[in-house]
N, C-alpha and C. Protein backbone atom coordinates (compact mmCIF):
# COMPACT_ATOMS: atom_id res chain seq x y z
N MET A 1 59.03 81.26 146.24
CA MET A 1 59.28 82.38 145.55
C MET A 1 58.84 83.38 146.61
N GLY A 2 59.91 84.38 147.07
CA GLY A 2 59.50 85.46 147.89
C GLY A 2 59.01 86.76 147.28
N PRO A 3 58.57 87.74 148.02
CA PRO A 3 57.95 89.03 147.60
C PRO A 3 58.91 89.67 146.84
N GLU A 4 60.18 89.62 146.99
CA GLU A 4 61.27 90.37 146.31
C GLU A 4 61.22 89.84 144.87
N ARG A 5 61.26 88.72 144.65
CA ARG A 5 61.18 88.14 143.32
C ARG A 5 59.94 88.57 142.40
N VAL A 6 58.72 88.45 143.29
CA VAL A 6 57.46 88.93 142.63
C VAL A 6 57.63 90.45 142.25
N ALA A 7 58.05 91.34 143.26
CA ALA A 7 58.28 92.76 142.98
C ALA A 7 59.08 93.00 141.83
N GLU A 8 60.22 92.14 141.61
CA GLU A 8 61.25 92.41 140.58
C GLU A 8 60.62 92.09 139.11
N SER A 9 59.94 91.08 139.20
CA SER A 9 59.12 90.60 137.98
C SER A 9 58.10 91.76 137.54
N MET A 10 57.32 92.15 138.28
CA MET A 10 56.52 93.31 138.13
C MET A 10 57.32 94.58 137.62
N GLU A 11 58.45 94.92 138.12
CA GLU A 11 59.12 95.93 137.60
C GLU A 11 59.55 95.91 136.26
N LEU A 12 60.08 94.70 135.92
CA LEU A 12 60.55 94.37 134.56
C LEU A 12 59.32 94.43 133.69
N CYS A 13 58.14 94.07 133.87
CA CYS A 13 56.93 94.04 133.13
C CYS A 13 56.70 95.64 132.88
N VAL A 14 56.63 96.44 134.06
CA VAL A 14 56.36 97.80 134.07
C VAL A 14 57.34 98.50 133.05
N ARG A 15 58.63 98.37 133.18
CA ARG A 15 59.33 98.90 132.12
C ARG A 15 59.10 98.66 130.87
N ALA A 16 58.85 97.57 130.46
CA ALA A 16 58.42 97.06 129.08
C ALA A 16 57.34 97.82 128.55
N MET A 17 56.34 98.10 129.52
CA MET A 17 55.08 98.83 129.25
C MET A 17 55.20 100.28 128.86
N THR A 18 56.38 100.80 129.24
CA THR A 18 56.77 102.19 129.06
C THR A 18 57.13 102.41 127.59
N LEU A 19 57.42 101.41 126.92
CA LEU A 19 58.06 101.42 125.55
C LEU A 19 57.03 101.36 124.35
N GLY A 20 57.17 101.72 123.26
CA GLY A 20 56.40 101.48 122.15
C GLY A 20 55.10 102.41 122.24
N SER A 21 54.06 102.01 121.23
CA SER A 21 52.91 102.71 121.20
C SER A 21 51.86 102.44 122.18
N ARG A 22 50.69 103.20 122.33
CA ARG A 22 49.69 102.88 123.18
C ARG A 22 49.15 101.52 123.03
N SER A 23 49.01 101.00 121.79
CA SER A 23 48.72 99.33 121.82
C SER A 23 49.60 98.57 122.19
N ASP A 24 50.93 98.89 122.03
CA ASP A 24 51.97 97.99 122.51
C ASP A 24 51.99 97.98 123.99
N ARG A 25 51.68 99.09 124.64
CA ARG A 25 51.65 99.11 126.08
C ARG A 25 50.34 98.41 126.56
N GLY A 26 49.32 98.31 125.72
CA GLY A 26 48.19 97.69 126.14
C GLY A 26 48.52 96.07 126.13
N TRP A 27 49.13 95.66 125.03
CA TRP A 27 49.63 94.35 124.88
C TRP A 27 50.49 93.85 126.19
N HIS A 28 51.56 94.78 126.56
CA HIS A 28 52.44 94.42 127.56
C HIS A 28 51.71 94.55 128.99
N LEU A 29 50.83 95.34 129.18
CA LEU A 29 49.79 95.12 130.40
C LEU A 29 49.12 93.85 130.38
N ALA A 30 48.58 93.35 129.35
CA ALA A 30 47.96 92.01 129.43
C ALA A 30 48.95 90.84 129.73
N ARG A 31 50.09 90.98 129.17
CA ARG A 31 51.12 89.94 129.41
C ARG A 31 51.62 90.20 131.01
N TYR A 32 51.88 91.40 131.36
CA TYR A 32 52.05 91.77 132.70
C TYR A 32 51.04 91.18 133.82
N ALA A 33 49.73 91.26 133.45
CA ALA A 33 48.77 90.87 134.34
C ALA A 33 48.80 89.19 134.33
N GLU A 34 48.82 88.67 133.19
CA GLU A 34 49.08 87.24 133.12
C GLU A 34 50.18 86.73 134.11
N ALA A 35 51.40 87.23 133.85
CA ALA A 35 52.57 86.71 134.71
C ALA A 35 52.24 87.11 136.11
N ILE A 36 51.82 88.23 136.52
CA ILE A 36 51.54 88.52 137.91
C ILE A 36 50.55 87.63 138.58
N VAL A 37 49.42 87.35 137.90
CA VAL A 37 48.48 86.45 138.44
C VAL A 37 49.13 85.04 138.77
N ALA A 38 49.99 84.60 137.76
CA ALA A 38 50.63 83.21 137.97
C ALA A 38 51.71 83.36 139.16
N LEU A 39 52.29 84.37 139.23
CA LEU A 39 53.46 84.51 140.37
C LEU A 39 52.74 84.64 141.69
N ILE A 40 51.56 85.45 141.79
CA ILE A 40 51.01 85.62 143.10
C ILE A 40 50.28 84.22 143.58
N ILE A 41 49.71 83.48 142.63
CA ILE A 41 49.02 82.27 143.00
C ILE A 41 50.25 81.28 143.44
N ALA A 42 51.37 81.26 142.68
CA ALA A 42 52.45 80.35 143.23
C ALA A 42 53.12 80.72 144.46
N PHE A 43 53.27 82.14 144.71
CA PHE A 43 53.80 82.64 145.97
C PHE A 43 52.84 82.13 147.13
N SER A 44 51.48 82.27 146.88
CA SER A 44 50.54 82.16 147.99
C SER A 44 50.48 80.64 148.30
N LEU A 45 50.77 79.71 147.38
CA LEU A 45 50.75 78.38 147.52
C LEU A 45 52.07 77.81 148.34
N THR A 46 52.96 78.72 148.19
CA THR A 46 54.44 78.14 148.72
C THR A 46 54.79 78.91 149.98
N ALA A 47 54.14 79.88 150.33
CA ALA A 47 54.47 80.92 151.54
C ALA A 47 54.50 80.06 152.78
N PRO A 48 55.79 79.94 153.53
CA PRO A 48 55.87 79.17 154.63
C PRO A 48 55.05 79.44 155.71
N ALA A 49 54.45 80.64 155.73
CA ALA A 49 53.55 81.01 156.92
C ALA A 49 52.29 80.23 156.79
N ARG A 50 51.99 79.69 155.73
CA ARG A 50 50.54 79.12 155.46
C ARG A 50 50.58 77.54 155.55
N PRO A 51 49.67 77.16 156.05
CA PRO A 51 49.44 75.54 155.97
C PRO A 51 49.54 75.07 154.56
N PRO A 52 49.93 73.97 154.32
CA PRO A 52 49.90 73.33 152.89
C PRO A 52 48.66 73.39 152.15
N SER A 53 48.59 73.71 150.91
CA SER A 53 47.40 73.80 150.34
C SER A 53 47.09 72.49 149.65
N THR A 54 45.79 72.33 149.65
CA THR A 54 45.29 71.00 148.75
C THR A 54 44.83 71.41 147.45
N HIS A 55 45.00 72.57 147.02
CA HIS A 55 44.64 73.16 145.53
C HIS A 55 45.92 73.18 144.71
N HIS A 56 46.09 72.24 143.89
CA HIS A 56 47.29 72.57 143.00
C HIS A 56 46.91 73.65 141.89
N SER A 57 47.82 74.47 141.74
CA SER A 57 47.65 75.60 140.77
C SER A 57 48.48 75.40 139.52
N GLY A 58 47.93 75.07 138.47
CA GLY A 58 48.61 74.77 137.27
C GLY A 58 48.62 76.17 136.40
N ARG A 59 48.48 75.99 134.98
CA ARG A 59 48.31 77.08 134.15
C ARG A 59 47.29 77.90 134.37
N VAL A 60 47.57 79.23 134.39
CA VAL A 60 46.59 80.36 134.58
C VAL A 60 45.94 81.04 133.34
N LEU A 61 44.68 80.81 133.27
CA LEU A 61 44.01 81.46 132.12
C LEU A 61 43.68 82.94 132.42
N LEU A 62 44.37 83.96 131.95
CA LEU A 62 44.03 85.32 132.21
C LEU A 62 42.74 85.64 131.75
N MET A 63 42.09 86.38 132.61
CA MET A 63 40.61 86.81 132.31
C MET A 63 40.50 88.27 132.10
N GLY A 64 41.64 89.09 132.13
CA GLY A 64 41.42 90.54 131.83
C GLY A 64 41.98 91.28 132.99
N GLY A 65 42.31 92.63 132.64
CA GLY A 65 42.78 93.55 133.84
C GLY A 65 42.35 94.84 133.60
N TYR A 66 42.34 95.49 134.73
CA TYR A 66 41.94 97.00 134.61
C TYR A 66 42.88 97.90 135.63
N ILE A 67 42.94 99.05 135.34
CA ILE A 67 43.68 99.95 136.29
C ILE A 67 42.41 100.93 136.73
N ILE A 68 42.16 100.75 137.85
CA ILE A 68 41.07 101.58 138.55
C ILE A 68 41.58 102.83 139.24
N ILE A 69 41.12 103.96 138.80
CA ILE A 69 41.67 105.32 139.44
C ILE A 69 40.65 105.73 140.44
N PHE A 70 41.06 105.55 141.69
CA PHE A 70 40.22 106.09 143.01
C PHE A 70 40.67 107.34 143.39
N ASP A 71 39.99 108.12 144.35
CA ASP A 71 40.50 109.29 144.83
C ASP A 71 41.90 109.23 145.51
N ASP A 72 42.15 108.10 146.12
CA ASP A 72 43.37 107.93 146.92
C ASP A 72 44.59 107.15 146.41
N MET A 73 44.13 106.26 145.23
CA MET A 73 45.20 105.46 144.69
C MET A 73 44.65 104.88 143.50
N ARG A 74 45.77 104.33 142.77
CA ARG A 74 45.50 103.49 141.40
C ARG A 74 45.52 102.09 141.87
N VAL A 75 44.59 101.19 141.36
CA VAL A 75 44.62 99.84 141.66
C VAL A 75 44.58 99.05 140.36
N LEU A 76 45.66 98.08 140.27
CA LEU A 76 45.59 96.97 139.28
C LEU A 76 44.66 95.87 139.66
N PHE A 77 43.63 95.72 138.86
CA PHE A 77 42.55 94.64 139.34
C PHE A 77 42.63 93.74 138.11
N ASN A 78 42.95 92.58 138.55
CA ASN A 78 42.99 91.50 137.53
C ASN A 78 42.59 90.18 137.98
N ALA A 79 42.29 89.11 137.03
CA ALA A 79 41.69 87.83 137.60
C ALA A 79 42.41 86.80 136.75
N GLY A 80 42.38 85.45 137.18
CA GLY A 80 42.92 84.34 136.46
C GLY A 80 42.14 83.29 136.90
N MET A 81 41.86 82.17 135.85
CA MET A 81 41.24 80.95 136.21
C MET A 81 42.27 79.79 136.27
N THR A 82 42.08 78.84 137.05
CA THR A 82 42.78 77.77 137.23
C THR A 82 41.98 76.58 137.48
N ALA A 83 42.55 75.19 137.01
CA ALA A 83 41.77 74.03 137.45
C ALA A 83 42.85 72.83 137.52
N GLY A 84 43.65 72.99 138.54
CA GLY A 84 44.69 71.98 138.82
C GLY A 84 45.60 71.99 137.63
N ASN A 85 46.04 70.84 137.17
CA ASN A 85 46.76 70.80 135.90
C ASN A 85 46.06 70.52 134.62
N PHE A 86 44.79 70.76 134.72
CA PHE A 86 43.92 70.45 133.58
C PHE A 86 44.27 71.39 132.44
N PHE A 87 44.59 72.67 132.52
CA PHE A 87 44.92 73.43 131.42
C PHE A 87 46.14 73.40 130.92
N ASP A 88 47.16 72.78 131.68
CA ASP A 88 48.47 72.53 131.46
C ASP A 88 48.41 71.61 130.23
N GLU A 89 47.64 70.51 130.33
CA GLU A 89 47.70 69.61 129.58
C GLU A 89 46.82 69.55 128.29
N LEU A 90 45.89 70.52 128.34
CA LEU A 90 44.79 70.72 127.43
C LEU A 90 45.43 71.39 126.04
N GLU A 91 45.11 70.83 124.98
CA GLU A 91 45.51 71.18 123.63
C GLU A 91 44.35 71.29 122.76
N ARG A 92 44.31 72.51 121.95
CA ARG A 92 43.37 72.63 120.94
C ARG A 92 43.96 72.23 119.58
N ARG A 93 43.45 71.35 118.78
CA ARG A 93 44.02 70.81 117.63
C ARG A 93 42.97 70.87 116.49
N LYS A 94 43.63 71.21 115.23
CA LYS A 94 42.45 71.08 114.06
C LYS A 94 42.32 69.73 113.47
N THR A 95 41.23 69.30 113.39
CA THR A 95 41.00 67.97 112.91
C THR A 95 39.94 68.03 111.68
N ARG A 96 39.53 66.94 111.13
CA ARG A 96 38.81 66.86 109.97
C ARG A 96 37.42 67.49 110.26
N ALA A 97 36.95 67.33 111.59
CA ALA A 97 35.73 67.61 112.10
C ALA A 97 35.79 69.04 112.64
N GLY A 98 36.92 69.69 112.34
CA GLY A 98 37.11 71.07 113.08
C GLY A 98 38.12 71.05 114.14
N GLU A 99 38.15 72.12 114.96
CA GLU A 99 38.83 72.20 116.13
C GLU A 99 38.39 71.50 117.18
N GLN A 100 39.14 70.64 117.83
CA GLN A 100 38.73 69.99 119.12
C GLN A 100 39.84 70.18 120.09
N PHE A 101 39.46 69.75 121.39
CA PHE A 101 40.36 69.74 122.43
C PHE A 101 40.81 68.38 122.88
N PHE A 102 42.14 68.18 123.16
CA PHE A 102 42.78 66.95 123.49
C PHE A 102 43.68 67.12 124.85
N ILE A 103 43.68 66.12 125.66
CA ILE A 103 44.65 65.85 126.57
C ILE A 103 45.36 64.63 126.26
N GLY A 104 46.51 64.66 125.82
CA GLY A 104 47.34 63.39 124.96
C GLY A 104 46.53 63.14 123.70
N SER A 105 46.03 61.83 123.71
CA SER A 105 45.37 61.45 122.61
C SER A 105 43.80 61.40 122.80
N ARG A 106 43.44 61.80 123.92
CA ARG A 106 42.24 61.69 124.41
C ARG A 106 41.27 62.86 124.10
N PRO A 107 40.20 62.97 123.43
CA PRO A 107 39.49 63.96 123.13
C PRO A 107 38.83 64.59 124.41
N ILE A 108 38.68 65.71 124.59
CA ILE A 108 38.00 66.46 125.78
C ILE A 108 36.97 67.44 125.36
N SER A 109 35.73 67.28 125.77
CA SER A 109 34.68 68.15 125.28
C SER A 109 34.21 69.21 126.51
N PHE A 110 34.64 68.86 127.79
CA PHE A 110 33.98 69.54 128.76
C PHE A 110 34.99 70.00 129.75
N TYR A 111 34.61 71.22 130.47
CA TYR A 111 35.50 71.73 131.63
C TYR A 111 35.48 70.68 132.73
N PRO A 112 36.48 70.66 133.67
CA PRO A 112 36.25 70.13 134.93
C PRO A 112 35.20 70.25 135.62
N ASP A 113 34.75 69.57 136.67
CA ASP A 113 33.58 69.79 137.41
C ASP A 113 33.75 70.98 138.28
N SER A 114 35.06 71.44 138.71
CA SER A 114 35.24 72.62 139.33
C SER A 114 36.45 73.46 138.86
N VAL A 115 36.23 74.74 138.80
CA VAL A 115 37.38 75.53 138.46
C VAL A 115 37.41 76.62 139.65
N ARG A 116 38.50 77.35 139.53
CA ARG A 116 38.76 78.38 140.65
C ARG A 116 39.01 79.69 139.76
N VAL A 117 38.61 80.74 140.21
CA VAL A 117 39.12 82.11 139.97
C VAL A 117 39.47 82.91 140.93
N ASP A 118 40.66 83.49 140.75
CA ASP A 118 41.29 84.54 141.80
C ASP A 118 41.08 85.79 141.22
N LEU A 119 40.66 86.80 142.07
CA LEU A 119 40.61 88.29 141.75
C LEU A 119 41.59 89.01 142.56
N PHE A 120 42.45 89.82 141.89
CA PHE A 120 43.50 90.49 142.77
C PHE A 120 43.40 92.01 142.60
N GLY A 121 43.63 92.66 143.64
CA GLY A 121 43.80 94.17 143.62
C GLY A 121 45.03 94.73 144.32
N GLY A 122 45.89 95.34 143.65
CA GLY A 122 47.26 95.86 144.30
C GLY A 122 47.53 97.13 143.69
N VAL A 123 48.19 97.89 144.33
CA VAL A 123 48.68 99.34 144.08
C VAL A 123 49.30 99.42 142.72
N TRP A 124 48.83 100.29 141.89
CA TRP A 124 49.57 100.68 140.60
C TRP A 124 50.12 101.93 140.69
N LYS A 125 51.40 102.16 140.32
CA LYS A 125 52.08 103.47 140.36
C LYS A 125 52.78 103.85 139.18
N SER A 126 52.43 103.10 138.12
CA SER A 126 53.31 103.41 136.90
C SER A 126 52.64 104.18 135.91
N GLY A 127 51.77 105.14 136.09
CA GLY A 127 51.10 105.98 135.32
C GLY A 127 49.84 105.66 134.57
N GLU A 128 49.58 106.33 133.36
CA GLU A 128 48.40 105.81 132.75
C GLU A 128 48.60 104.76 131.79
N THR A 129 47.53 104.05 131.58
CA THR A 129 47.54 102.86 130.64
C THR A 129 46.18 103.06 129.63
N PRO A 130 46.23 102.11 128.71
CA PRO A 130 45.02 102.08 127.80
C PRO A 130 43.84 101.55 128.60
N LEU A 131 44.05 100.96 129.75
CA LEU A 131 42.92 100.28 130.36
C LEU A 131 42.34 101.01 131.68
N ASP A 132 42.60 102.21 131.79
CA ASP A 132 42.28 103.04 132.88
C ASP A 132 40.76 103.08 133.07
N LYS A 133 40.35 103.05 134.30
CA LYS A 133 38.78 103.41 134.57
C LYS A 133 38.73 104.20 135.80
N ARG A 134 37.99 105.18 136.03
CA ARG A 134 37.77 105.83 137.05
C ARG A 134 36.62 105.58 137.84
N TYR A 135 36.67 105.54 139.28
CA TYR A 135 35.51 105.24 140.26
C TYR A 135 35.69 106.16 141.49
N PRO A 136 34.59 106.96 141.69
CA PRO A 136 34.75 107.91 142.74
C PRO A 136 34.87 107.23 144.23
N GLY A 137 35.50 107.98 145.01
CA GLY A 137 35.62 107.53 146.57
C GLY A 137 37.02 106.80 146.56
N THR A 138 37.12 106.08 147.89
CA THR A 138 38.51 105.59 148.03
C THR A 138 38.40 104.22 147.71
N ALA A 139 39.59 103.63 147.37
CA ALA A 139 39.75 102.21 147.00
C ALA A 139 39.09 101.26 147.95
N ALA A 140 39.37 101.58 149.38
CA ALA A 140 38.80 100.51 150.27
C ALA A 140 37.33 100.42 150.27
N ALA A 141 36.66 101.66 150.01
CA ALA A 141 35.24 101.72 150.07
C ALA A 141 34.37 100.80 148.99
N LEU A 142 35.27 100.55 147.96
CA LEU A 142 34.68 99.58 146.90
C LEU A 142 35.24 98.17 147.18
N MET A 143 36.72 98.20 147.09
CA MET A 143 37.39 96.98 147.11
C MET A 143 37.11 96.09 148.20
N ASP A 144 36.59 96.61 149.42
CA ASP A 144 36.35 95.67 150.65
C ASP A 144 35.00 95.20 150.77
N SER A 145 34.18 95.42 149.67
CA SER A 145 32.93 95.16 149.63
C SER A 145 32.30 94.67 148.23
N LEU A 146 33.12 94.03 147.50
CA LEU A 146 32.66 93.74 146.15
C LEU A 146 31.51 92.54 146.15
N GLN A 147 30.68 92.73 145.19
CA GLN A 147 29.66 91.71 144.91
C GLN A 147 30.00 90.92 143.60
N ILE A 148 29.96 89.71 143.60
CA ILE A 148 30.45 88.90 142.49
C ILE A 148 29.49 87.87 141.87
N ARG A 149 29.34 87.94 140.76
CA ARG A 149 28.36 86.98 139.91
C ARG A 149 29.13 86.24 138.92
N ALA A 150 28.90 84.86 138.56
CA ALA A 150 29.55 84.31 137.50
C ALA A 150 28.49 83.57 136.71
N GLU A 151 28.82 83.49 135.40
CA GLU A 151 27.88 82.60 134.54
C GLU A 151 28.68 82.23 133.40
N TRP A 152 27.90 81.35 132.60
CA TRP A 152 28.66 80.61 131.48
C TRP A 152 28.17 81.38 130.15
N LYS A 153 28.88 81.51 129.28
CA LYS A 153 28.32 82.27 128.04
C LYS A 153 28.55 81.21 126.74
N THR A 154 27.34 80.96 126.12
CA THR A 154 27.36 80.12 124.76
C THR A 154 26.95 80.90 123.76
N GLY A 155 27.54 81.32 122.90
CA GLY A 155 27.14 82.40 121.82
C GLY A 155 26.94 83.69 122.37
N LEU A 156 25.62 83.95 122.31
CA LEU A 156 25.20 85.33 122.81
C LEU A 156 24.29 85.06 124.13
N SER A 157 24.18 83.78 124.57
CA SER A 157 23.34 83.51 125.53
C SER A 157 24.07 83.27 126.85
N THR A 158 23.52 83.52 127.99
CA THR A 158 24.23 83.23 129.14
C THR A 158 23.34 82.60 130.33
N ARG A 159 23.97 81.91 131.12
CA ARG A 159 23.42 81.22 132.09
C ARG A 159 24.19 81.21 133.37
N PRO A 160 23.57 81.26 134.73
CA PRO A 160 24.28 81.30 135.94
C PRO A 160 25.11 80.00 136.14
N VAL A 161 26.13 80.06 136.74
CA VAL A 161 26.90 78.80 137.10
C VAL A 161 25.99 78.08 138.14
N SER A 162 26.27 76.92 138.16
CA SER A 162 25.42 76.03 139.31
C SER A 162 25.67 76.43 140.62
N LYS A 163 26.95 76.47 141.05
CA LYS A 163 27.25 76.74 142.46
C LYS A 163 28.47 77.84 142.41
N LEU A 164 28.51 78.76 143.21
CA LEU A 164 29.59 79.70 143.44
C LEU A 164 29.78 80.00 144.79
N SER A 165 31.05 79.83 145.18
CA SER A 165 31.35 80.26 146.76
C SER A 165 32.35 81.15 146.63
N VAL A 166 32.26 82.39 147.30
CA VAL A 166 33.34 83.43 147.19
C VAL A 166 33.96 83.69 148.61
N ARG A 167 35.12 83.79 148.66
CA ARG A 167 35.88 84.07 149.97
C ARG A 167 37.01 85.11 149.78
N ARG A 168 36.79 86.06 150.73
CA ARG A 168 38.07 86.85 150.57
C ARG A 168 39.03 86.61 151.52
N LEU A 169 40.20 86.68 150.84
CA LEU A 169 41.45 85.97 151.54
C LEU A 169 42.02 87.17 152.49
N LYS A 170 42.51 86.79 153.62
CA LYS A 170 43.28 87.68 154.60
C LYS A 170 44.49 87.96 154.07
N GLN A 171 45.00 89.10 154.58
CA GLN A 171 46.36 89.72 154.09
C GLN A 171 47.50 88.70 154.23
N ASP A 172 47.73 87.78 155.25
CA ASP A 172 48.65 86.81 155.39
C ASP A 172 48.37 85.61 154.45
N GLU A 173 47.23 85.55 153.67
CA GLU A 173 46.98 84.32 152.78
C GLU A 173 47.45 84.70 151.28
N THR A 174 48.06 85.82 151.00
CA THR A 174 48.36 86.21 149.74
C THR A 174 49.78 86.90 149.72
N ALA A 175 50.18 87.18 148.54
CA ALA A 175 51.48 87.93 148.48
C ALA A 175 51.30 89.39 149.05
N PRO A 176 52.51 89.79 149.66
CA PRO A 176 52.59 91.06 150.30
C PRO A 176 52.08 92.42 149.44
N ILE A 177 52.33 92.10 148.12
CA ILE A 177 52.02 93.23 147.27
C ILE A 177 50.55 93.39 146.98
N ILE A 178 49.76 92.41 147.47
CA ILE A 178 48.34 92.39 146.95
C ILE A 178 47.60 92.80 148.25
N LEU A 179 46.63 93.91 147.98
CA LEU A 179 45.79 94.44 148.92
C LEU A 179 44.43 93.66 149.14
N TRP A 180 43.90 93.32 148.07
CA TRP A 180 42.60 92.54 148.11
C TRP A 180 42.78 91.33 147.12
N ARG A 181 42.22 90.33 147.69
CA ARG A 181 42.09 89.08 146.79
C ARG A 181 40.92 88.42 147.25
N TYR A 182 40.03 87.95 146.14
CA TYR A 182 38.89 87.23 146.31
C TYR A 182 39.02 85.82 145.57
N GLN A 183 38.66 84.77 146.06
CA GLN A 183 38.82 83.55 145.52
C GLN A 183 37.42 82.98 145.41
N LEU A 184 37.17 82.58 144.11
CA LEU A 184 35.84 81.92 143.56
C LEU A 184 35.95 80.52 143.28
N ASP A 185 35.24 79.65 143.98
CA ASP A 185 35.22 78.19 143.62
C ASP A 185 33.82 78.08 142.82
N ILE A 186 34.02 77.51 141.66
CA ILE A 186 32.86 77.29 140.89
C ILE A 186 32.67 75.90 140.51
N SER A 187 31.32 75.45 140.65
CA SER A 187 31.20 73.98 140.37
C SER A 187 30.03 73.88 139.41
N ASP A 188 30.21 73.00 138.40
CA ASP A 188 29.07 72.72 137.34
C ASP A 188 29.65 71.50 136.75
N GLU A 189 28.65 71.03 135.91
CA GLU A 189 28.91 69.64 135.30
C GLU A 189 28.58 69.77 133.64
N ARG A 190 29.35 69.15 132.92
CA ARG A 190 29.25 69.01 131.38
C ARG A 190 29.10 70.39 130.74
N VAL A 191 30.04 71.23 131.14
CA VAL A 191 30.16 72.61 130.57
C VAL A 191 30.98 72.55 129.31
N PRO A 192 30.54 72.77 128.07
CA PRO A 192 31.46 72.68 127.05
C PRO A 192 32.68 73.47 127.18
N LEU A 193 33.88 73.01 126.58
CA LEU A 193 34.96 73.87 126.59
C LEU A 193 34.89 75.14 125.59
N THR A 194 34.03 75.06 124.65
CA THR A 194 33.82 76.26 123.83
C THR A 194 33.04 77.43 124.61
N ASP A 195 32.56 77.28 125.74
CA ASP A 195 31.83 78.21 126.53
C ASP A 195 32.76 79.19 127.28
N HIS A 196 32.42 80.43 127.33
CA HIS A 196 33.41 81.30 128.22
C HIS A 196 32.77 81.32 129.63
N LEU A 197 33.76 81.59 130.49
CA LEU A 197 33.32 81.85 131.96
C LEU A 197 33.39 83.38 132.09
N ILE A 198 32.20 83.98 132.54
CA ILE A 198 32.20 85.29 132.85
C ILE A 198 31.90 85.63 134.26
N VAL A 199 32.90 86.57 134.68
CA VAL A 199 32.71 87.08 136.00
C VAL A 199 32.52 88.48 136.07
N ASN A 200 31.26 88.84 136.63
CA ASN A 200 30.96 90.30 136.74
C ASN A 200 31.06 90.81 138.22
N VAL A 201 31.70 91.91 138.25
CA VAL A 201 32.01 92.50 139.63
C VAL A 201 31.29 93.83 139.81
N TYR A 202 30.62 93.93 141.00
CA TYR A 202 29.71 94.93 141.24
C TYR A 202 30.20 95.58 142.65
N GLY A 203 30.02 96.72 142.88
CA GLY A 203 30.11 97.47 144.08
C GLY A 203 29.12 97.26 144.91
N PRO A 204 29.35 97.83 146.35
CA PRO A 204 28.20 97.60 147.39
C PRO A 204 26.79 98.25 147.06
N ASP A 205 26.81 98.97 146.12
CA ASP A 205 25.42 99.64 145.72
C ASP A 205 24.95 98.93 144.43
N ASN A 206 25.64 97.81 144.02
CA ASN A 206 25.26 97.13 142.84
C ASN A 206 25.66 97.66 141.62
N GLY A 207 26.51 98.91 141.66
CA GLY A 207 26.91 99.45 140.44
C GLY A 207 28.01 98.69 139.79
N PHE A 208 27.98 98.65 138.42
CA PHE A 208 29.03 97.82 137.68
C PHE A 208 30.26 98.30 137.86
N VAL A 209 31.33 97.30 138.10
CA VAL A 209 32.83 97.73 138.25
C VAL A 209 33.62 97.25 137.18
N ALA A 210 33.52 95.89 137.04
CA ALA A 210 34.53 95.23 135.99
C ALA A 210 33.73 93.80 135.44
N ARG A 211 34.26 93.43 134.31
CA ARG A 211 33.84 92.17 133.68
C ARG A 211 35.01 91.28 133.45
N PHE A 212 35.21 90.23 133.78
CA PHE A 212 36.29 89.28 133.48
C PHE A 212 35.79 88.22 132.66
N SER A 213 36.52 87.53 131.55
CA SER A 213 36.13 86.48 130.87
C SER A 213 37.39 85.54 130.55
N ALA A 214 37.14 84.29 130.15
CA ALA A 214 38.24 83.52 129.70
C ALA A 214 37.53 82.23 129.15
N ALA A 215 38.25 81.73 128.26
CA ALA A 215 38.03 80.20 127.80
C ALA A 215 39.29 79.66 127.29
N PRO A 216 39.49 78.52 127.19
CA PRO A 216 40.81 77.73 126.74
C PRO A 216 41.06 78.16 125.34
C-alpha cells in the first residue's frame, strides 16, 4: 500500500466528516481515525525501504483521537492497540454465565502477555471538529518530547503496566503523511480482558496532553 492510497483514503473520510450534524462529524472522525491507524500500520509493515518486520499487525483497537491546535499547525493525534492476530480471532459472546470472550470454541480470559500501542501525529487541514484541543507553542516543541505512561484500569482503580518500552520511530519507518510516531511495547501477565488499557500522554513539562483508552 503506497502513500497515494493512504492519502486517498484520508480524503474520502474527510469528505464524509463535512456532512451531517456535529455529532455525525464526531462519529466520522472516530471511524476516520480507526481506518487511518490501520492503514498506517499496514503501510509501515510493507514499505519496501524497510527490513521485514517480525511483528504481525492484525485488527487494530482504536484508542481515541484528538485534533490539537498549535500556533503553527493542527495535528491529528490518535492511537491504536494491536496484538498480532489475537484481536482478529477474539469474539465476545453472551452465555448463561454472562458475556465471555472466545477464540473459536475456546474461552479466553486474559490479554496476551504483550500488546503494542502506536501513537500517531500528522497534519490536519480540514477545519474544526468536535475533538479540538488547543496547546500553546509549536507542534514540534510538544510532539518531539512526549512523556508516556500506561496503566490498566479495573473498574475505578488503576495500576501501572508491568513493563513499558517506548520508541520514537524515524521518518523513514512510517507512512510519509505521519510526522510523529511513538511505538509502545507493553508486557504483562494474566490481565483480564475486561480491563481497559489506558495511555496517558504528557508534555516535556509534565503537563497533561491526551488520554487514550481501549478494551476488546
